[in-house]
Amino acid sequence: MTKEKINLDIATAIYTGMIHDTGVFQYSSTSPDTMRIAGDLMEKGVDFSNIIDESFYQKSYIQNQVMGRVLAESIMLLDGKCIVGYHEAERHGFLWGKAVRPGWNRKPAPSYERCGSGNVYLRA
């Protein structure tokens, strides 16, 4: 695909994939070509700062609750270089689910599998 055929939506999708694959350009898979391509995508108008914030840093209240519970029961290995924790949906009263409508009204998913963007909701 030539640069001229890449619109803002396509550029945003490619950039999002790049930041996930490269750990926001920190992994060894990041090369000078990666950075040049990212620059080309930024010239298309990609909101790079917002994409990074939404992908890695912005968390809902419920997501923070889940993380807190997992960390509270986690263990450290390898002289503190590795933290291991897990989440049991039944034990903590959470289900993966999708919103029925905006707000706090949530409908549990038919199973405990991950749904949608990975948001976690309290069981009704």
PDB file of N, CA and C in Angstrom:
ATOM      1  N   MET A   1       0.848  -1.178   0.000  1.00  0.00           N
ATOM      2  CA  MET A   1       0.000   0.000   0.000  1.00  0.00           C
ATOM      3  C   MET A   1       0.893   1.240   0.000  1.00  0.00           C
ATOM      4  N   THR A   2       0.585   2.179  -0.858  1.00  0.00           N
ATOM      5  CA  THR A   2       1.372   3.410  -0.934  1.00  0.00           C
ATOM      6  C   THR A   2       0.922   4.395   0.140  1.00  0.00           C
ATOM      7  N   LYS A   3       1.819   5.323   0.466  1.00  0.00           N
ATOM      8  CA  LYS A   3       1.513   6.317   1.496  1.00  0.00           C
ATOM      9  C   LYS A   3       0.254   7.121   1.182  1.00  0.00           C
ATOM     10  N   GLU A   4       0.021   7.374  -0.089  1.00  0.00           N
ATOM     11  CA  GLU A   4      -1.125   8.180  -0.494  1.00  0.00           C
ATOM     12  C   GLU A   4      -2.456   7.499  -0.191  1.00  0.00           C
ATOM     13  N   LYS A   5      -2.464   6.190  -0.142  1.00  0.00           N
ATOM     14  CA  LYS A   5      -3.705   5.449   0.105  1.00  0.00           C
ATOM     15  C   LYS A   5      -4.017   5.293   1.590  1.00  0.00           C
ATOM     16  N   ILE A   6      -3.103   5.694   2.441  1.00  0.00           N
ATOM     17  CA  ILE A   6      -3.308   5.552   3.889  1.00  0.00           C
ATOM     18  C   ILE A   6      -4.007   6.801   4.414  1.00  0.00           C
ATOM     19  N   ASN A   7      -5.271   6.611   4.846  1.00  0.00           N
ATOM     20  CA  ASN A   7      -6.013   7.728   5.425  1.00  0.00           C
ATOM     21  C   ASN A   7      -5.812   7.721   6.953  1.00  0.00           C
ATOM     22  N   LEU A   8      -6.476   8.630   7.633  1.00  0.00           N
ATOM     23  CA  LEU A   8      -6.298   8.760   9.084  1.00  0.00           C
ATOM     24  C   LEU A   8      -6.729   7.498   9.833  1.00  0.00           C
ATOM     25  N   ASP A   9      -7.840   6.890   9.434  1.00  0.00           N
ATOM     26  CA  ASP A   9      -8.305   5.667  10.115  1.00  0.00           C
ATOM     27  C   ASP A   9      -7.295   4.531   9.974  1.00  0.00           C
ATOM     28  N   ILE A  10      -6.776   4.354   8.784  1.00  0.00           N
ATOM     29  CA  ILE A  10      -5.787   3.295   8.566  1.00  0.00           C
ATOM     30  C   ILE A  10      -4.506   3.614   9.324  1.00  0.00           C
ATOM     31  N   ALA A  11      -4.070   4.860   9.277  1.00  0.00           N
ATOM     32  CA  ALA A  11      -2.863   5.274   9.984  1.00  0.00           C
ATOM     33  C   ALA A  11      -3.003   5.038  11.488  1.00  0.00           C
ATOM     34  N   THR A  12      -4.176   5.340  12.033  1.00  0.00           N
ATOM     35  CA  THR A  12      -4.428   5.139  13.468  1.00  0.00           C
ATOM     36  C   THR A  12      -4.358   3.658  13.818  1.00  0.00           C
ATOM     37  N   ALA A  13      -4.941   2.822  12.991  1.00  0.00           N
ATOM     38  CA  ALA A  13      -4.907   1.373  13.247  1.00  0.00           C
ATOM     39  C   ALA A  13      -3.483   0.842  13.192  1.00  0.00           C
ATOM     40  N   ILE A  14      -2.717   1.261  12.202  1.00  0.00           N
ATOM     41  CA  ILE A  14      -1.326   0.798  12.081  1.00  0.00           C
ATOM     42  C   ILE A  14      -0.501   1.286  13.263  1.00  0.00           C
ATOM     43  N   TYR A  15      -0.661   2.564  13.626  1.00  0.00           N
ATOM     44  CA  TYR A  15       0.094   3.120  14.747  1.00  0.00           C
ATOM     45  C   TYR A  15      -0.238   2.399  16.049  1.00  0.00           C
ATOM     46  N   THR A  16      -1.512   2.113  16.264  1.00  0.00           N
ATOM     47  CA  THR A  16      -1.925   1.390  17.472  1.00  0.00           C
ATOM     48  C   THR A  16      -1.256   0.025  17.530  1.00  0.00           C
ATOM     49  N   GLY A  17      -1.240  -0.685  16.420  1.00  0.00           N
ATOM     50  CA  GLY A  17      -0.550  -1.974  16.369  1.00  0.00           C
ATOM     51  C   GLY A  17       0.935  -1.839  16.643  1.00  0.00           C
ATOM     52  N   MET A  18       1.536  -0.800  16.097  1.00  0.00           N
ATOM     53  CA  MET A  18       2.977  -0.597  16.297  1.00  0.00           C
ATOM     54  C   MET A  18       3.323  -0.355  17.764  1.00  0.00           C
ATOM     55  N   ILE A  19       2.531   0.479  18.437  1.00  0.00           N
ATOM     56  CA  ILE A  19       2.887   0.760  19.834  1.00  0.00           C
ATOM     57  C   ILE A  19       2.705  -0.470  20.715  1.00  0.00           C
ATOM     58  N   HIS A  20       1.753  -1.319  20.357  1.00  0.00           N
ATOM     59  CA  HIS A  20       1.569  -2.550  21.130  1.00  0.00           C
ATOM     60  C   HIS A  20       2.675  -3.556  20.831  1.00  0.00           C
ATOM     61  N   ASP A  21       3.060  -3.676  19.578  1.00  0.00           N
ATOM     62  CA  ASP A  21       4.101  -4.634  19.194  1.00  0.00           C
ATOM     63  C   ASP A  21       5.484  -4.222  19.665  1.00  0.00           C
ATOM     64  N   THR A  22       5.704  -2.915  19.840  1.00  0.00           N
ATOM     65  CA  THR A  22       7.037  -2.434  20.214  1.00  0.00           C
ATOM     66  C   THR A  22       7.125  -1.973  21.665  1.00  0.00           C
ATOM     67  N   GLY A  23       6.036  -2.133  22.431  1.00  0.00           N
ATOM     68  CA  GLY A  23       6.048  -1.636  23.813  1.00  0.00           C
ATOM     69  C   GLY A  23       6.280  -0.142  23.856  1.00  0.00           C
ATOM     70  N   VAL A  24       5.540   0.582  23.034  1.00  0.00           N
ATOM     71  CA  VAL A  24       5.687   2.025  22.865  1.00  0.00           C
ATOM     72  C   VAL A  24       7.144   2.349  22.499  1.00  0.00           C
ATOM     73  N   PHE A  25       7.641   1.597  21.529  1.00  0.00           N
ATOM     74  CA  PHE A  25       8.962   1.804  20.942  1.00  0.00           C
ATOM     75  C   PHE A  25      10.114   1.540  21.923  1.00  0.00           C
ATOM     76  N   GLN A  26       9.891   0.650  22.883  1.00  0.00           N
ATOM     77  CA  GLN A  26      10.926   0.327  23.856  1.00  0.00           C
ATOM     78  C   GLN A  26      11.542  -1.049  23.646  1.00  0.00           C
ATOM     79  N   TYR A  27      10.847  -1.969  22.960  1.00  0.00           N
ATOM     80  CA  TYR A  27      11.351  -3.328  22.783  1.00  0.00           C
ATOM     81  C   TYR A  27      12.452  -3.369  21.731  1.00  0.00           C
ATOM     82  N   SER A  28      13.210  -4.442  21.750  1.00  0.00           N
ATOM     83  CA  SER A  28      14.306  -4.593  20.792  1.00  0.00           C
ATOM     84  C   SER A  28      13.804  -4.707  19.353  1.00  0.00           C
ATOM     85  N   SER A  29      12.513  -4.956  19.176  1.00  0.00           N
ATOM     86  CA  SER A  29      11.947  -5.031  17.818  1.00  0.00           C
ATOM     87  C   SER A  29      11.831  -3.656  17.175  1.00  0.00           C
ATOM     88  N   THR A  30      12.063  -2.590  17.934  1.00  0.00           N
ATOM     89  CA  THR A  30      11.986  -1.234  17.408  1.00  0.00           C
ATOM     90  C   THR A  30      13.264  -0.922  16.630  1.00  0.00           C
ATOM     91  N   SER A  31      13.085  -0.481  15.411  1.00  0.00           N
ATOM     92  CA  SER A  31      14.232  -0.164  14.556  1.00  0.00           C
ATOM     93  C   SER A  31      14.104   1.272  14.050  1.00  0.00           C
ATOM     94  N   PRO A  32      15.155   1.777  13.411  1.00  0.00           N
ATOM     95  CA  PRO A  32      15.027   3.109  12.790  1.00  0.00           C
ATOM     96  C   PRO A  32      13.882   3.158  11.782  1.00  0.00           C
ATOM     97  N   ASP A  33      13.653   2.054  11.052  1.00  0.00           N
ATOM     98  CA  ASP A  33      12.527   2.017  10.107  1.00  0.00           C
ATOM     99  C   ASP A  33      11.199   2.146  10.840  1.00  0.00           C
ATOM    100  N   THR A  34      11.093   1.498  11.999  1.00  0.00           N
ATOM    101  CA  THR A  34       9.869   1.592  12.803  1.00  0.00           C
ATOM    102  C   THR A  34       9.586   3.051  13.144  1.00  0.00           C
ATOM    103  N   MET A  35      10.608   3.751  13.563  1.00  0.00           N
ATOM    104  CA  MET A  35      10.439   5.147  13.959  1.00  0.00           C
ATOM    105  C   MET A  35      10.098   6.037  12.755  1.00  0.00           C
ATOM    106  N   ARG A  36      10.700   5.753  11.606  1.00  0.00           N
ATOM    107  CA  ARG A  36      10.377   6.523  10.400  1.00  0.00           C
ATOM    108  C   ARG A  36       8.910   6.317  10.002  1.00  0.00           C
ATOM    109  N   ILE A  37       8.467   5.060  10.060  1.00  0.00           N
ATOM    110  CA  ILE A  37       7.073   4.764   9.716  1.00  0.00           C
ATOM    111  C   ILE A  37       6.133   5.447  10.706  1.00  0.00           C
ATOM    112  N   ALA A  38       6.479   5.407  11.991  1.00  0.00           N
ATOM    113  CA  ALA A  38       5.651   6.078  12.999  1.00  0.00           C
ATOM    114  C   ALA A  38       5.572   7.572  12.707  1.00  0.00           C
ATOM    115  N   GLY A  39       6.679   8.163  12.299  1.00  0.00           N
ATOM    116  CA  GLY A  39       6.686   9.576  11.945  1.00  0.00           C
ATOM    117  C   GLY A  39       5.785   9.866  10.754  1.00  0.00           C
ATOM    118  N   ASP A  40       5.823   8.994   9.756  1.00  0.00           N
ATOM    119  CA  ASP A  40       4.934   9.156   8.596  1.00  0.00           C
ATOM    120  C   ASP A  40       3.472   9.090   9.021  1.00  0.00           C
ATOM    121  N   LEU A  41       3.162   8.188   9.942  1.00  0.00           N
ATOM    122  CA  LEU A  41       1.783   8.048  10.423  1.00  0.00           C
ATOM    123  C   LEU A  41       1.361   9.277  11.224  1.00  0.00           C
ATOM    124  N   MET A  42       2.279   9.818  11.991  1.00  0.00           N
ATOM    125  CA  MET A  42       1.981  11.030  12.751  1.00  0.00           C
ATOM    126  C   MET A  42       1.667  12.195  11.807  1.00  0.00           C
ATOM    127  N   GLU A  43       2.373  12.247  10.667  1.00  0.00           N
ATOM    128  CA  GLU A  43       2.101  13.300   9.682  1.00  0.00           C
ATOM    129  C   GLU A  43       0.700  13.181   9.090  1.00  0.00           C
ATOM    130  N   LYS A  44       0.123  11.996   9.142  1.00  0.00           N
ATOM    131  CA  LYS A  44      -1.260  11.797   8.661  1.00  0.00           C
ATOM    132  C   LYS A  44      -2.283  12.340   9.657  1.00  0.00           C
ATOM    133  N   GLY A  45      -1.815  12.711  10.864  1.00  0.00           N
ATOM    134  CA  GLY A  45      -2.717  13.285  11.861  1.00  0.00           C
ATOM    135  C   GLY A  45      -3.089  12.349  12.998  1.00  0.00           C
ATOM    136  N   VAL A  46      -2.367  11.238  13.120  1.00  0.00           N
ATOM    137  CA  VAL A  46      -2.638  10.289  14.200  1.00  0.00           C
ATOM    138  C   VAL A  46      -2.487  10.987  15.547  1.00  0.00           C
ATOM    139  N   ASP A  47      -3.468  10.825  16.412  1.00  0.00           N
ATOM    140  CA  ASP A  47      -3.426  11.401  17.764  1.00  0.00           C
ATOM    141  C   ASP A  47      -2.619  10.457  18.655  1.00  0.00           C
ATOM    142  N   PHE A  48      -1.303  10.442  18.431  1.00  0.00           N
ATOM    143  CA  PHE A  48      -0.423   9.450  19.048  1.00  0.00           C
ATOM    144  C   PHE A  48      -0.435   9.493  20.566  1.00  0.00           C
ATOM    145  N   SER A  49      -0.470  10.658  21.139  1.00  0.00           N
ATOM    146  CA  SER A  49      -0.461  10.770  22.600  1.00  0.00           C
ATOM    147  C   SER A  49      -1.724  10.170  23.203  1.00  0.00           C
ATOM    148  N   ASN A  50      -2.864  10.456  22.612  1.00  0.00           N
ATOM    149  CA  ASN A  50      -4.137   9.933  23.113  1.00  0.00           C
ATOM    150  C   ASN A  50      -4.214   8.413  22.951  1.00  0.00           C
ATOM    151  N   ILE A  51      -3.711   7.897  21.833  1.00  0.00           N
ATOM    152  CA  ILE A  51      -3.729   6.451  21.607  1.00  0.00           C
ATOM    153  C   ILE A  51      -2.909   5.743  22.685  1.00  0.00           C
ATOM    154  N   ILE A  52      -1.754   6.266  22.995  1.00  0.00           N
ATOM    155  CA  ILE A  52      -0.900   5.664  24.027  1.00  0.00           C
ATOM    156  C   ILE A  52      -1.580   5.746  25.387  1.00  0.00           C
ATOM    157  N   ASP A  53      -2.140   6.910  25.724  1.00  0.00           N
ATOM    158  CA  ASP A  53      -2.827   7.063  27.012  1.00  0.00           C
ATOM    159  C   ASP A  53      -3.989   6.081  27.138  1.00  0.00           C
ATOM    160  N   GLU A  54      -4.834   6.000  26.102  1.00  0.00           N
ATOM    161  CA  GLU A  54      -5.994   5.112  26.168  1.00  0.00           C
ATOM    162  C   GLU A  54      -5.588   3.642  26.187  1.00  0.00           C
ATOM    163  N   SER A  55      -4.527   3.302  25.496  1.00  0.00           N
ATOM    164  CA  SER A  55      -4.104   1.902  25.420  1.00  0.00           C
ATOM    165  C   SER A  55      -3.413   1.410  26.683  1.00  0.00           C
ATOM    166  N   PHE A  56      -2.619   2.271  27.314  1.00  0.00           N
ATOM    167  CA  PHE A  56      -1.764   1.802  28.387  1.00  0.00           C
ATOM    168  C   PHE A  56      -2.037   2.412  29.758  1.00  0.00           C
ATOM    169  N   TYR A  57      -2.571   3.608  29.822  1.00  0.00           N
ATOM    170  CA  TYR A  57      -2.617   4.294  31.111  1.00  0.00           C
ATOM    171  C   TYR A  57      -4.008   4.545  31.671  1.00  0.00           C
ATOM    172  N   GLN A  58      -5.000   4.832  30.838  1.00  0.00           N
ATOM    173  CA  GLN A  58      -6.332   5.136  31.346  1.00  0.00           C
ATOM    174  C   GLN A  58      -7.034   3.842  31.749  1.00  0.00           C
ATOM    175  N   LYS A  59      -7.468   3.771  32.988  1.00  0.00           N
ATOM    176  CA  LYS A  59      -8.168   2.595  33.502  1.00  0.00           C
ATOM    177  C   LYS A  59      -9.446   3.045  34.203  1.00  0.00           C
ATOM    178  N   SER A  60     -10.482   2.237  34.075  1.00  0.00           N
ATOM    179  CA  SER A  60     -11.733   2.542  34.756  1.00  0.00           C
ATOM    180  C   SER A  60     -11.605   2.192  36.246  1.00  0.00           C
ATOM    181  N   TYR A  61     -12.557   2.631  37.005  1.00  0.00           N
ATOM    182  CA  TYR A  61     -12.589   2.317  38.436  1.00  0.00           C
ATOM    183  C   TYR A  61     -12.592   0.802  38.656  1.00  0.00           C
ATOM    184  N   ILE A  62     -13.401   0.090  37.892  1.00  0.00           N
ATOM    185  CA  ILE A  62     -13.492  -1.366  38.041  1.00  0.00           C
ATOM    186  C   ILE A  62     -12.175  -2.036  37.655  1.00  0.00           C
ATOM    187  N   GLN A  63     -11.545  -1.587  36.576  1.00  0.00           N
ATOM    188  CA  GLN A  63     -10.260  -2.154  36.186  1.00  0.00           C
ATOM    189  C   GLN A  63      -9.232  -1.959  37.295  1.00  0.00           C
ATOM    190  N   ASN A  64      -9.247  -0.793  37.924  1.00  0.00           N
ATOM    191  CA  ASN A  64      -8.330  -0.546  39.043  1.00  0.00           C
ATOM    192  C   ASN A  64      -8.642  -1.439  40.234  1.00  0.00           C
ATOM    193  N   GLN A  65      -9.924  -1.693  40.493  1.00  0.00           N
ATOM    194  CA  GLN A  65     -10.293  -2.603  41.585  1.00  0.00           C
ATOM    195  C   GLN A  65      -9.737  -4.006  41.338  1.00  0.00           C
ATOM    196  N   VAL A  66      -9.918  -4.485  40.124  1.00  0.00           N
ATOM    197  CA  VAL A  66      -9.420  -5.826  39.778  1.00  0.00           C
ATOM    198  C   VAL A  66      -7.907  -5.871  39.944  1.00  0.00           C
ATOM    199  N   MET A  67      -7.208  -4.878  39.418  1.00  0.00           N
ATOM    200  CA  MET A  67      -5.751  -4.845  39.530  1.00  0.00           C
ATOM    201  C   MET A  67      -5.325  -4.822  40.998  1.00  0.00           C
ATOM    202  N   GLY A  68      -6.030  -4.051  41.798  1.00  0.00           N
ATOM    203  CA  GLY A  68      -5.700  -3.995  43.223  1.00  0.00           C
ATOM    204  C   GLY A  68      -5.851  -5.340  43.901  1.00  0.00           C
ATOM    205  N   ARG A  69      -6.909  -6.053  43.584  1.00  0.00           N
ATOM    206  CA  ARG A  69      -7.120  -7.375  44.183  1.00  0.00           C
ATOM    207  C   ARG A  69      -6.062  -8.366  43.734  1.00  0.00           C
ATOM    208  N   VAL A  70      -5.727  -8.318  42.454  1.00  0.00           N
ATOM    209  CA  VAL A  70      -4.702  -9.228  41.934  1.00  0.00           C
ATOM    210  C   VAL A  70      -3.356  -8.921  42.597  1.00  0.00           C
ATOM    211  N   LEU A  71      -2.989  -7.658  42.666  1.00  0.00           N
ATOM    212  CA  LEU A  71      -1.707  -7.293  43.269  1.00  0.00           C
ATOM    213  C   LEU A  71      -1.666  -7.614  44.763  1.00  0.00           C
ATOM    214  N   ALA A  72      -2.803  -7.450  45.445  1.00  0.00           N
ATOM    215  CA  ALA A  72      -2.845  -7.726  46.879  1.00  0.00           C
ATOM    216  C   ALA A  72      -2.553  -9.189  47.190  1.00  0.00           C
ATOM    217  N   GLU A  73      -2.876 -10.072  46.260  1.00  0.00           N
ATOM    218  CA  GLU A  73      -2.672 -11.506  46.478  1.00  0.00           C
ATOM    219  C   GLU A  73      -1.544 -12.070  45.610  1.00  0.00           C
ATOM    220  N   SER A  74      -0.736 -11.203  45.026  1.00  0.00           N
ATOM    221  CA  SER A  74       0.336 -11.654  44.143  1.00  0.00           C
ATOM    222  C   SER A  74       1.571 -12.056  44.956  1.00  0.00           C
ATOM    223  N   ILE A  75       2.502 -12.690  44.259  1.00  0.00           N
ATOM    224  CA  ILE A  75       3.791 -13.025  44.866  1.00  0.00           C
ATOM    225  C   ILE A  75       4.897 -12.499  43.965  1.00  0.00           C
ATOM    226  N   MET A  76       6.040 -12.214  44.583  1.00  0.00           N
ATOM    227  CA  MET A  76       7.189 -11.738  43.820  1.00  0.00           C
ATOM    228  C   MET A  76       8.194 -12.866  43.685  1.00  0.00           C
ATOM    229  N   LEU A  77       8.767 -12.981  42.496  1.00  0.00           N
ATOM    230  CA  LEU A  77       9.767 -13.997  42.198  1.00  0.00           C
ATOM    231  C   LEU A  77      11.008 -13.330  41.607  1.00  0.00           C
ATOM    232  N   LEU A  78      12.058 -14.103  41.503  1.00  0.00           N
ATOM    233  CA  LEU A  78      13.299 -13.647  40.858  1.00  0.00           C
ATOM    234  C   LEU A  78      13.803 -12.336  41.457  1.00  0.00           C
ATOM    235  N   ASP A  79      13.937 -12.322  42.769  1.00  0.00           N
ATOM    236  CA  ASP A  79      14.421 -11.140  43.483  1.00  0.00           C
ATOM    237  C   ASP A  79      13.630  -9.876  43.154  1.00  0.00           C
ATOM    238  N   GLY A  80      12.323 -10.031  43.072  1.00  0.00           N
ATOM    239  CA  GLY A  80      11.443  -8.893  42.829  1.00  0.00           C
ATOM    240  C   GLY A  80      11.349  -8.453  41.378  1.00  0.00           C
ATOM    241  N   LYS A  81      11.928  -9.195  40.459  1.00  0.00           N
ATOM    242  CA  LYS A  81      11.888  -8.826  39.041  1.00  0.00           C
ATOM    243  C   LYS A  81      10.616  -9.297  38.354  1.00  0.00           C
ATOM    244  N   CYS A  82       9.877 -10.189  39.002  1.00  0.00           N
ATOM    245  CA  CYS A  82       8.676 -10.754  38.399  1.00  0.00           C
ATOM    246  C   CYS A  82       7.569 -10.817  39.442  1.00  0.00           C
ATOM    247  N   ILE A  83       6.409 -10.285  39.112  1.00  0.00           N
ATOM    248  CA  ILE A  83       5.245 -10.353  39.984  1.00  0.00           C
ATOM    249  C   ILE A  83       4.238 -11.281  39.319  1.00  0.00           C
ATOM    250  N   VAL A  84       3.756 -12.264  40.088  1.00  0.00           N
ATOM    251  CA  VAL A  84       2.794 -13.220  39.558  1.00  0.00           C
ATOM    252  C   VAL A  84       1.498 -13.083  40.355  1.00  0.00           C
ATOM    253  N   GLY A  85       0.417 -12.903  39.641  1.00  0.00           N
ATOM    254  CA  GLY A  85      -0.894 -12.821  40.265  1.00  0.00           C
ATOM    255  C   GLY A  85      -1.929 -13.355  39.301  1.00  0.00           C
ATOM    256  N   TYR A  86      -3.079 -13.683  39.808  1.00  0.00           N
ATOM    257  CA  TYR A  86      -4.156 -14.178  38.949  1.00  0.00           C
ATOM    258  C   TYR A  86      -5.489 -13.713  39.508  1.00  0.00           C
ATOM    259  N   HIS A  87      -6.505 -13.881  38.693  1.00  0.00           N
ATOM    260  CA  HIS A  87      -7.833 -13.397  39.053  1.00  0.00           C
ATOM    261  C   HIS A  87      -8.850 -14.511  38.848  1.00  0.00           C
ATOM    262  N   GLU A  88      -9.596 -14.813  39.886  1.00  0.00           N
ATOM    263  CA  GLU A  88     -10.684 -15.786  39.798  1.00  0.00           C
ATOM    264  C   GLU A  88     -11.992 -15.010  39.797  1.00  0.00           C
ATOM    265  N   ALA A  89     -12.678 -15.021  38.672  1.00  0.00           N
ATOM    266  CA  ALA A  89     -13.909 -14.237  38.533  1.00  0.00           C
ATOM    267  C   ALA A  89     -14.936 -14.596  39.598  1.00  0.00           C
ATOM    268  N   GLU A  90     -15.148 -15.862  39.828  1.00  0.00           N
ATOM    269  CA  GLU A  90     -16.150 -16.297  40.807  1.00  0.00           C
ATOM    270  C   GLU A  90     -15.807 -15.822  42.213  1.00  0.00           C
ATOM    271  N   ARG A  91     -14.549 -15.972  42.606  1.00  0.00           N
ATOM    272  CA  ARG A  91     -14.135 -15.642  43.963  1.00  0.00           C
ATOM    273  C   ARG A  91     -14.281 -14.159  44.264  1.00  0.00           C
ATOM    274  N   HIS A  92     -13.952 -13.307  43.312  1.00  0.00           N
ATOM    275  CA  HIS A  92     -13.992 -11.874  43.541  1.00  0.00           C
ATOM    276  C   HIS A  92     -15.312 -11.236  43.134  1.00  0.00           C
ATOM    277  N   GLY A  93     -16.207 -12.007  42.528  1.00  0.00           N
ATOM    278  CA  GLY A  93     -17.508 -11.466  42.161  1.00  0.00           C
ATOM    279  C   GLY A  93     -17.505 -10.593  40.925  1.00  0.00           C
ATOM    280  N   PHE A  94     -16.578 -10.846  40.010  1.00  0.00           N
ATOM    281  CA  PHE A  94     -16.523 -10.092  38.769  1.00  0.00           C
ATOM    282  C   PHE A  94     -16.845 -11.007  37.605  1.00  0.00           C
ATOM    283  N   LEU A  95     -17.409 -10.426  36.567  1.00  0.00           N
ATOM    284  CA  LEU A  95     -17.651 -11.135  35.311  1.00  0.00           C
ATOM    285  C   LEU A  95     -17.152 -10.262  34.168  1.00  0.00           C
ATOM    286  N   TRP A  96     -16.654 -10.895  33.126  1.00  0.00           N
ATOM    287  CA  TRP A  96     -16.388 -10.144  31.898  1.00  0.00           C
ATOM    288  C   TRP A  96     -17.757  -9.870  31.305  1.00  0.00           C
ATOM    289  N   GLY A  97     -17.997  -8.669  30.825  1.00  0.00           N
ATOM    290  CA  GLY A  97     -19.306  -8.379  30.264  1.00  0.00           C
ATOM    291  C   GLY A  97     -19.321  -7.142  29.411  1.00  0.00           C
ATOM    292  N   LYS A  98     -20.473  -6.887  28.829  1.00  0.00           N
ATOM    293  CA  LYS A  98     -20.673  -5.703  28.001  1.00  0.00           C
ATOM    294  C   LYS A  98     -21.778  -4.862  28.606  1.00  0.00           C
ATOM    295  N   ALA A  99     -21.710  -3.571  28.358  1.00  0.00           N
ATOM    296  CA  ALA A  99     -22.732  -2.670  28.880  1.00  0.00           C
ATOM    297  C   ALA A  99     -24.038  -2.876  28.130  1.00  0.00           C
ATOM    298  N   VAL A 100     -25.146  -2.893  28.879  1.00  0.00           N
ATOM    299  CA  VAL A 100     -26.470  -2.915  28.265  1.00  0.00           C
ATOM    300  C   VAL A 100     -26.731  -1.527  27.696  1.00  0.00           C
ATOM    301  N   ARG A 101     -26.393  -0.513  28.441  1.00  0.00           N
ATOM    302  CA  ARG A 101     -26.454   0.886  28.002  1.00  0.00           C
ATOM    303  C   ARG A 101     -25.418   1.639  28.840  1.00  0.00           C
ATOM    304  N   PRO A 102     -25.051   2.858  28.436  1.00  0.00           N
ATOM    305  CA  PRO A 102     -24.024   3.592  29.177  1.00  0.00           C
ATOM    306  C   PRO A 102     -24.382   3.752  30.654  1.00  0.00           C
ATOM    307  N   GLY A 103     -23.366   3.859  31.464  1.00  0.00           N
ATOM    308  CA  GLY A 103     -23.563   4.033  32.899  1.00  0.00           C
ATOM    309  C   GLY A 103     -23.190   2.782  33.656  1.00  0.00           C
ATOM    310  N   TRP A 104     -23.780   2.606  34.815  1.00  0.00           N
ATOM    311  CA  TRP A 104     -23.409   1.491  35.694  1.00  0.00           C
ATOM    312  C   TRP A 104     -24.211   0.230  35.428  1.00  0.00           C
ATOM    313  N   ASN A 105     -25.192   0.276  34.539  1.00  0.00           N
ATOM    314  CA  ASN A 105     -26.008  -0.903  34.266  1.00  0.00           C
ATOM    315  C   ASN A 105     -25.261  -1.840  33.337  1.00  0.00           C
ATOM    316  N   ARG A 106     -24.864  -2.976  33.844  1.00  0.00           N
ATOM    317  CA  ARG A 106     -24.068  -3.916  33.067  1.00  0.00           C
ATOM    318  C   ARG A 106     -24.764  -5.262  33.007  1.00  0.00           C
ATOM    319  N   LYS A 107     -24.656  -5.915  31.885  1.00  0.00           N
ATOM    320  CA  LYS A 107     -25.231  -7.238  31.720  1.00  0.00           C
ATOM    321  C   LYS A 107     -24.088  -8.252  31.662  1.00  0.00           C
ATOM    322  N   PRO A 108     -24.072  -9.261  32.531  1.00  0.00           N
ATOM    323  CA  PRO A 108     -22.987 -10.242  32.492  1.00  0.00           C
ATOM    324  C   PRO A 108     -22.952 -10.969  31.155  1.00  0.00           C
ATOM    325  N   ALA A 109     -21.766 -11.329  30.753  1.00  0.00           N
ATOM    326  CA  ALA A 109     -21.611 -12.132  29.543  1.00  0.00           C
ATOM    327  C   ALA A 109     -22.157 -13.522  29.815  1.00  0.00           C
ATOM    328  N   PRO A 110     -22.552 -14.260  28.777  1.00  0.00           N
ATOM    329  CA  PRO A 110     -23.092 -15.602  28.980  1.00  0.00           C
ATOM    330  C   PRO A 110     -22.065 -16.575  29.549  1.00  0.00           C
ATOM    331  N   SER A 111     -20.795 -16.264  29.423  1.00  0.00           N
ATOM    332  CA  SER A 111     -19.761 -17.118  29.999  1.00  0.00           C
ATOM    333  C   SER A 111     -18.750 -16.204  30.678  1.00  0.00           C
ATOM    334  N   TYR A 112     -17.699 -16.782  31.211  1.00  0.00           N
ATOM    335  CA  TYR A 112     -16.683 -15.989  31.888  1.00  0.00           C
ATOM    336  C   TYR A 112     -15.551 -15.603  30.956  1.00  0.00           C
ATOM    337  N   GLU A 113     -15.751 -15.757  29.660  1.00  0.00           N
ATOM    338  CA  GLU A 113     -14.711 -15.403  28.713  1.00  0.00           C
ATOM    339  C   GLU A 113     -14.655 -13.898  28.538  1.00  0.00           C
ATOM    340  N   ARG A 114     -13.505 -13.434  28.072  1.00  0.00           N
ATOM    341  CA  ARG A 114     -13.307 -12.016  27.840  1.00  0.00           C
ATOM    342  C   ARG A 114     -14.222 -11.544  26.713  1.00  0.00           C
ATOM    343  N   CYS A 115     -14.853 -10.387  26.920  1.00  0.00           N
ATOM    344  CA  CYS A 115     -15.736  -9.823  25.914  1.00  0.00           C
ATOM    345  C   CYS A 115     -15.307  -8.394  25.625  1.00  0.00           C
ATOM    346  N   GLY A 116     -15.521  -7.951  24.415  1.00  0.00           N
ATOM    347  CA  GLY A 116     -15.258  -6.562  24.057  1.00  0.00           C
ATOM    348  C   GLY A 116     -13.819  -6.175  24.271  1.00  0.00           C
ATOM    349  N   SER A 117     -13.619  -4.995  24.818  1.00  0.00           N
ATOM    350  CA  SER A 117     -12.272  -4.451  24.968  1.00  0.00           C
ATOM    351  C   SER A 117     -11.590  -4.934  26.236  1.00  0.00           C
ATOM    352  N   GLY A 118     -12.180  -5.872  26.944  1.00  0.00           N
ATOM    353  CA  GLY A 118     -11.548  -6.393  28.149  1.00  0.00           C
ATOM    354  C   GLY A 118     -11.980  -5.679  29.408  1.00  0.00           C
ATOM    355  N   ASN A 119     -13.018  -4.857  29.338  1.00  0.00           N
ATOM    356  CA  ASN A 119     -13.506  -4.214  30.548  1.00  0.00           C
ATOM    357  C   ASN A 119     -14.135  -5.263  31.457  1.00  0.00           C
ATOM    358  N   VAL A 120     -13.977  -5.056  32.729  1.00  0.00           N
ATOM    359  CA  VAL A 120     -14.492  -5.992  33.719  1.00  0.00           C
ATOM    360  C   VAL A 120     -15.589  -5.304  34.503  1.00  0.00           C
ATOM    361  N   TYR A 121     -16.700  -6.023  34.753  1.00  0.00           N
ATOM    362  CA  TYR A 121     -17.811  -5.418  35.449  1.00  0.00           C
ATOM    363  C   TYR A 121     -18.220  -6.263  36.644  1.00  0.00           C
ATOM    364  N   LEU A 122     -18.730  -5.600  37.667  1.00  0.00           N
ATOM    365  CA  LEU A 122     -19.239  -6.312  38.833  1.00  0.00           C
ATOM    366  C   LEU A 122     -20.475  -7.109  38.468  1.00  0.00           C
ATOM    367  N   ARG A 123     -20.599  -8.254  39.090  1.00  0.00           N
ATOM    368  CA  ARG A 123     -21.779  -9.077  38.860  1.00  0.00           C
ATOM    369  C   ARG A 123     -22.989  -8.387  39.473  1.00  0.00           C
ATOM    370  N   ALA A 124     -24.111  -8.421  38.776  1.00  0.00           N
ATOM    371  CA  ALA A 124     -25.332  -7.780  39.268  1.00  0.00           C
ATOM    372  C   ALA A 124     -25.902  -8.538  40.448  1.00  0.00           C
TER     373      ALA A 124
END
